[in-house]
N, C-alpha and C. Protein backbone atom coordinates (compact mmCIF):
# COMPACT_ATOMS: atom_id res chain seq x y z
N MET A 1 0.84 -1.17 0.00
CA MET A 1 0.00 0.00 0.00
C MET A 1 0.89 1.25 0.00
N VAL A 2 0.59 2.19 -0.85
CA VAL A 2 1.34 3.43 -0.97
C VAL A 2 0.75 4.45 -0.01
N LYS A 3 1.63 5.06 0.78
CA LYS A 3 1.17 6.10 1.69
C LYS A 3 1.23 7.44 0.96
N VAL A 4 0.19 8.21 1.10
CA VAL A 4 0.11 9.51 0.46
C VAL A 4 0.17 10.57 1.55
N ALA A 5 1.01 11.58 1.33
CA ALA A 5 1.10 12.67 2.30
C ALA A 5 -0.22 13.43 2.35
N THR A 6 -0.66 13.68 3.53
CA THR A 6 -1.89 14.45 3.69
C THR A 6 -1.55 15.77 4.35
N LYS A 7 -2.34 16.77 4.05
CA LYS A 7 -2.12 18.07 4.67
C LYS A 7 -2.52 18.00 6.13
N PRO A 8 -1.96 18.73 7.03
CA PRO A 8 -0.95 19.73 6.73
C PRO A 8 0.47 19.13 6.72
N TYR A 9 1.17 19.31 5.66
CA TYR A 9 2.58 18.96 5.59
C TYR A 9 3.32 20.23 5.19
N LYS A 10 4.57 20.29 5.53
CA LYS A 10 5.36 21.48 5.25
C LYS A 10 6.47 21.12 4.28
N PRO A 11 6.35 21.52 3.03
CA PRO A 11 7.43 21.23 2.09
C PRO A 11 8.68 22.02 2.44
N THR A 12 9.83 21.46 2.16
CA THR A 12 11.09 22.16 2.38
C THR A 12 11.59 22.68 1.04
N PHE A 13 11.74 23.97 0.94
CA PHE A 13 12.25 24.59 -0.28
C PHE A 13 13.76 24.64 -0.20
N HIS A 14 14.40 24.29 -1.29
CA HIS A 14 15.86 24.26 -1.33
C HIS A 14 16.42 25.39 -2.18
N PHE A 15 15.68 26.49 -2.29
CA PHE A 15 16.17 27.65 -3.02
C PHE A 15 15.49 28.90 -2.49
N VAL A 16 16.16 30.03 -2.70
CA VAL A 16 15.61 31.34 -2.37
C VAL A 16 15.71 32.18 -3.64
N GLU A 17 14.62 32.88 -3.97
CA GLU A 17 14.59 33.68 -5.20
C GLU A 17 14.98 35.14 -4.92
N PHE A 18 15.62 35.74 -5.93
CA PHE A 18 16.09 37.11 -5.84
C PHE A 18 15.54 37.94 -6.99
N GLU A 19 15.45 39.26 -6.76
CA GLU A 19 15.04 40.19 -7.80
C GLU A 19 16.14 40.32 -8.85
N PHE A 20 15.78 40.85 -10.00
CA PHE A 20 16.75 41.15 -11.04
C PHE A 20 17.79 42.13 -10.50
N ASP A 21 19.07 41.79 -10.71
CA ASP A 21 20.19 42.68 -10.38
C ASP A 21 20.23 43.06 -8.89
N ALA A 22 19.81 42.16 -8.01
CA ALA A 22 19.79 42.45 -6.58
C ALA A 22 20.39 41.30 -5.78
N ALA A 23 21.04 41.65 -4.67
CA ALA A 23 21.64 40.64 -3.80
C ALA A 23 20.79 40.40 -2.55
N GLU A 24 19.56 40.91 -2.56
CA GLU A 24 18.62 40.65 -1.48
C GLU A 24 17.42 39.91 -2.04
N PRO A 25 16.83 39.01 -1.24
CA PRO A 25 15.72 38.20 -1.74
C PRO A 25 14.48 39.02 -2.09
N ILE A 26 13.62 38.42 -2.90
CA ILE A 26 12.37 39.06 -3.30
C ILE A 26 11.53 39.38 -2.06
N ASN A 27 11.41 38.42 -1.16
CA ASN A 27 10.56 38.58 0.02
C ASN A 27 11.27 37.97 1.23
N VAL A 28 11.68 38.82 2.17
CA VAL A 28 12.44 38.36 3.32
C VAL A 28 11.61 37.45 4.22
N LYS A 29 10.32 37.71 4.35
CA LYS A 29 9.46 36.85 5.18
C LYS A 29 9.36 35.44 4.58
N THR A 30 9.21 35.38 3.26
CA THR A 30 9.17 34.08 2.58
C THR A 30 10.50 33.37 2.75
N MET A 31 11.61 34.10 2.58
CA MET A 31 12.93 33.51 2.75
C MET A 31 13.08 32.93 4.15
N ALA A 32 12.64 33.67 5.16
CA ALA A 32 12.77 33.19 6.54
C ALA A 32 12.02 31.88 6.75
N LYS A 33 10.81 31.77 6.18
CA LYS A 33 10.04 30.53 6.28
C LYS A 33 10.72 29.39 5.53
N GLN A 34 11.30 29.70 4.37
CA GLN A 34 11.97 28.67 3.57
C GLN A 34 13.24 28.17 4.25
N LEU A 35 13.96 29.06 4.92
CA LEU A 35 15.23 28.67 5.53
C LEU A 35 15.09 28.09 6.94
N ALA A 36 13.95 28.29 7.59
CA ALA A 36 13.76 27.80 8.96
C ALA A 36 14.05 26.30 9.11
N PRO A 37 13.53 25.42 8.23
CA PRO A 37 13.84 24.00 8.42
C PRO A 37 15.32 23.68 8.18
N HIS A 38 15.97 24.44 7.31
CA HIS A 38 17.40 24.24 7.08
C HIS A 38 18.20 24.64 8.32
N ILE A 39 17.82 25.75 8.93
CA ILE A 39 18.49 26.21 10.14
C ILE A 39 18.30 25.19 11.26
N ALA A 40 17.09 24.70 11.42
CA ALA A 40 16.81 23.70 12.46
C ALA A 40 17.64 22.44 12.23
N HIS A 41 17.71 22.00 10.98
CA HIS A 41 18.48 20.78 10.67
C HIS A 41 19.96 20.99 10.94
N LEU A 42 20.51 22.10 10.46
CA LEU A 42 21.94 22.33 10.60
C LEU A 42 22.36 22.57 12.05
N THR A 43 21.56 23.31 12.81
CA THR A 43 21.93 23.54 14.21
C THR A 43 21.80 22.27 15.05
N ALA A 44 20.91 21.37 14.66
CA ALA A 44 20.76 20.10 15.37
C ALA A 44 21.78 19.06 14.94
N ASN A 45 22.42 19.28 13.80
CA ASN A 45 23.38 18.32 13.24
C ASN A 45 24.66 19.04 12.83
N PRO A 46 25.50 19.37 13.79
CA PRO A 46 26.70 20.17 13.47
C PRO A 46 27.71 19.48 12.55
N SER A 47 27.57 18.19 12.33
CA SER A 47 28.48 17.51 11.40
C SER A 47 28.00 17.60 9.95
N HIS A 48 26.80 18.09 9.72
CA HIS A 48 26.26 18.24 8.36
C HIS A 48 26.65 19.60 7.82
N PHE A 49 26.74 19.69 6.50
CA PHE A 49 27.02 20.99 5.90
C PHE A 49 26.17 21.21 4.67
N VAL A 50 26.07 22.48 4.27
CA VAL A 50 25.25 22.87 3.15
C VAL A 50 26.11 23.66 2.16
N LEU A 51 25.85 23.45 0.88
CA LEU A 51 26.49 24.22 -0.19
C LEU A 51 25.47 25.24 -0.68
N LEU A 52 25.83 26.51 -0.64
CA LEU A 52 24.98 27.59 -1.14
C LEU A 52 25.51 27.99 -2.51
N GLN A 53 24.70 27.79 -3.55
CA GLN A 53 25.10 28.10 -4.91
C GLN A 53 24.28 29.27 -5.43
N GLY A 54 24.92 30.44 -5.54
CA GLY A 54 24.26 31.62 -6.05
C GLY A 54 24.26 31.63 -7.56
N ALA A 55 23.18 32.11 -8.16
CA ALA A 55 23.05 32.13 -9.62
C ALA A 55 22.57 33.48 -10.11
N GLY A 56 23.04 33.83 -11.30
CA GLY A 56 22.59 35.04 -11.97
C GLY A 56 21.51 34.70 -12.98
N ASP A 57 21.54 35.40 -14.12
CA ASP A 57 20.59 35.09 -15.19
C ASP A 57 21.29 35.30 -16.53
N ASP A 58 20.53 35.25 -17.62
CA ASP A 58 21.12 35.32 -18.95
C ASP A 58 21.67 36.70 -19.32
N SER A 59 21.21 37.74 -18.64
CA SER A 59 21.69 39.08 -19.00
C SER A 59 23.01 39.37 -18.29
N GLY A 60 23.82 40.20 -18.90
CA GLY A 60 25.10 40.57 -18.31
C GLY A 60 26.19 39.57 -18.60
N SER A 61 27.40 39.94 -18.22
CA SER A 61 28.58 39.11 -18.49
C SER A 61 28.70 37.97 -17.49
N PHE A 62 29.57 37.03 -17.82
CA PHE A 62 29.86 35.91 -16.92
C PHE A 62 30.40 36.45 -15.60
N ASN A 63 31.37 37.37 -15.68
CA ASN A 63 31.99 37.91 -14.45
C ASN A 63 30.98 38.65 -13.59
N TYR A 64 30.14 39.45 -14.21
CA TYR A 64 29.12 40.18 -13.45
C TYR A 64 28.21 39.20 -12.72
N ASN A 65 27.72 38.19 -13.43
CA ASN A 65 26.82 37.21 -12.83
C ASN A 65 27.52 36.36 -11.78
N PHE A 66 28.81 36.11 -11.96
CA PHE A 66 29.58 35.37 -10.95
C PHE A 66 29.60 36.17 -9.64
N LYS A 67 29.92 37.44 -9.73
CA LYS A 67 29.96 38.29 -8.53
C LYS A 67 28.58 38.42 -7.89
N LEU A 68 27.55 38.58 -8.72
CA LEU A 68 26.18 38.69 -8.20
C LEU A 68 25.76 37.38 -7.52
N GLY A 69 26.09 36.25 -8.13
CA GLY A 69 25.79 34.95 -7.51
C GLY A 69 26.48 34.78 -6.17
N MET A 70 27.75 35.23 -6.08
CA MET A 70 28.47 35.16 -4.81
C MET A 70 27.83 36.08 -3.77
N SER A 71 27.41 37.26 -4.19
CA SER A 71 26.75 38.20 -3.26
C SER A 71 25.46 37.60 -2.72
N ARG A 72 24.72 36.96 -3.59
CA ARG A 72 23.46 36.32 -3.17
C ARG A 72 23.72 35.18 -2.19
N ALA A 73 24.69 34.34 -2.51
CA ALA A 73 25.01 33.22 -1.63
C ALA A 73 25.56 33.72 -0.29
N THR A 74 26.34 34.78 -0.32
CA THR A 74 26.88 35.37 0.91
C THR A 74 25.77 35.96 1.77
N PHE A 75 24.76 36.54 1.15
CA PHE A 75 23.61 37.05 1.90
C PHE A 75 22.96 35.92 2.69
N ILE A 76 22.74 34.78 2.04
CA ILE A 76 22.12 33.63 2.72
C ILE A 76 23.07 33.08 3.77
N GLU A 77 24.36 33.02 3.47
CA GLU A 77 25.35 32.56 4.44
C GLU A 77 25.27 33.40 5.72
N ASN A 78 25.28 34.71 5.58
CA ASN A 78 25.21 35.59 6.75
C ASN A 78 23.91 35.39 7.53
N TYR A 79 22.82 35.19 6.82
CA TYR A 79 21.54 34.93 7.47
C TYR A 79 21.63 33.66 8.32
N LEU A 80 22.19 32.60 7.77
CA LEU A 80 22.33 31.34 8.50
C LEU A 80 23.25 31.50 9.71
N LEU A 81 24.37 32.19 9.52
CA LEU A 81 25.32 32.40 10.62
C LEU A 81 24.69 33.17 11.77
N GLU A 82 23.90 34.18 11.44
CA GLU A 82 23.23 34.98 12.47
C GLU A 82 22.22 34.16 13.28
N ARG A 83 21.83 33.02 12.75
CA ARG A 83 20.84 32.18 13.43
C ARG A 83 21.43 30.89 13.99
N GLY A 84 22.74 30.87 14.14
CA GLY A 84 23.38 29.77 14.87
C GLY A 84 24.02 28.67 14.05
N VAL A 85 23.92 28.74 12.74
CA VAL A 85 24.61 27.74 11.91
C VAL A 85 26.10 28.06 11.97
N LEU A 86 26.93 27.05 12.07
CA LEU A 86 28.37 27.24 12.18
C LEU A 86 29.00 27.53 10.81
N GLN A 87 30.04 28.36 10.81
CA GLN A 87 30.76 28.67 9.57
C GLN A 87 31.28 27.40 8.90
N SER A 88 31.72 26.44 9.72
CA SER A 88 32.27 25.19 9.18
C SER A 88 31.21 24.35 8.47
N GLN A 89 29.93 24.67 8.63
CA GLN A 89 28.85 23.92 7.99
C GLN A 89 28.44 24.51 6.64
N ILE A 90 29.03 25.64 6.27
CA ILE A 90 28.58 26.36 5.08
C ILE A 90 29.70 26.48 4.06
N LYS A 91 29.38 26.14 2.83
CA LYS A 91 30.27 26.36 1.69
C LYS A 91 29.51 27.24 0.70
N VAL A 92 30.19 28.22 0.13
CA VAL A 92 29.55 29.19 -0.75
C VAL A 92 30.20 29.15 -2.12
N SER A 93 29.37 29.19 -3.16
CA SER A 93 29.90 29.25 -4.53
C SER A 93 28.92 30.00 -5.42
N SER A 94 29.39 30.29 -6.61
CA SER A 94 28.54 30.92 -7.61
C SER A 94 28.58 30.09 -8.87
N VAL A 95 27.44 29.94 -9.51
CA VAL A 95 27.37 29.24 -10.79
C VAL A 95 27.22 30.24 -11.93
N SER A 96 27.30 31.54 -11.61
CA SER A 96 27.21 32.62 -12.58
C SER A 96 25.96 32.47 -13.44
N LYS A 97 26.17 32.25 -14.75
CA LYS A 97 25.05 32.14 -15.69
C LYS A 97 24.67 30.69 -16.00
N ALA A 98 25.41 29.74 -15.45
CA ALA A 98 25.14 28.33 -15.75
C ALA A 98 23.71 27.97 -15.40
N ASN A 99 23.03 27.33 -16.30
CA ASN A 99 21.64 26.89 -16.14
C ASN A 99 20.65 28.03 -15.96
N SER A 100 21.07 29.27 -16.19
CA SER A 100 20.16 30.40 -15.97
C SER A 100 19.04 30.44 -17.00
N HIS A 101 19.20 29.73 -18.09
CA HIS A 101 18.12 29.65 -19.08
C HIS A 101 16.96 28.79 -18.55
N LEU A 102 17.21 28.04 -17.50
CA LEU A 102 16.18 27.24 -16.86
C LEU A 102 15.60 28.06 -15.70
N LYS A 103 14.35 28.41 -15.77
CA LYS A 103 13.73 29.31 -14.80
C LYS A 103 14.01 28.95 -13.34
N PRO A 104 13.99 27.67 -12.94
CA PRO A 104 14.21 27.38 -11.52
C PRO A 104 15.61 27.77 -11.01
N TYR A 105 16.56 27.99 -11.93
CA TYR A 105 17.92 28.30 -11.49
C TYR A 105 18.25 29.78 -11.58
N ALA A 106 17.55 30.53 -12.41
CA ALA A 106 17.87 31.94 -12.60
C ALA A 106 17.53 32.74 -11.35
N ARG A 107 18.45 33.60 -10.97
CA ARG A 107 18.25 34.54 -9.85
C ARG A 107 17.91 33.84 -8.54
N THR A 108 18.66 32.81 -8.19
CA THR A 108 18.39 32.05 -6.97
C THR A 108 19.66 31.76 -6.20
N VAL A 109 19.48 31.29 -4.99
CA VAL A 109 20.52 30.58 -4.25
C VAL A 109 19.93 29.22 -3.93
N HIS A 110 20.61 28.18 -4.40
CA HIS A 110 20.17 26.80 -4.12
C HIS A 110 20.96 26.26 -2.94
N LEU A 111 20.28 25.51 -2.10
CA LEU A 111 20.90 24.85 -0.97
C LEU A 111 21.02 23.37 -1.28
N SER A 112 22.24 22.85 -1.20
CA SER A 112 22.48 21.44 -1.49
C SER A 112 23.18 20.80 -0.31
N TYR A 113 22.72 19.58 0.02
CA TYR A 113 23.34 18.83 1.13
C TYR A 113 24.14 17.68 0.58
């Protein structure tokens, strides 16, 4: 028998969306809700770590998008650090324009475990 999830369940989002040409998220309240389960997991499991991959979009140069992706990932890194996640649990990178033609990757920071 297959078990089906019934509401209320809380999905875990593994990305945060950003505005065009901005290093701050579209909606800080939404970001806080999305990152809460990650913060809970990481603070409860200090041996686990997360990779934050910042992404740009198709416009602009590779270098510009690389820097913007790093700024976005660093914003999320600082948010996690301020809430008790250890520096040793966080790795930050930028994917610049890679996969930015795919909507789910453009203008985001993805969290990977």
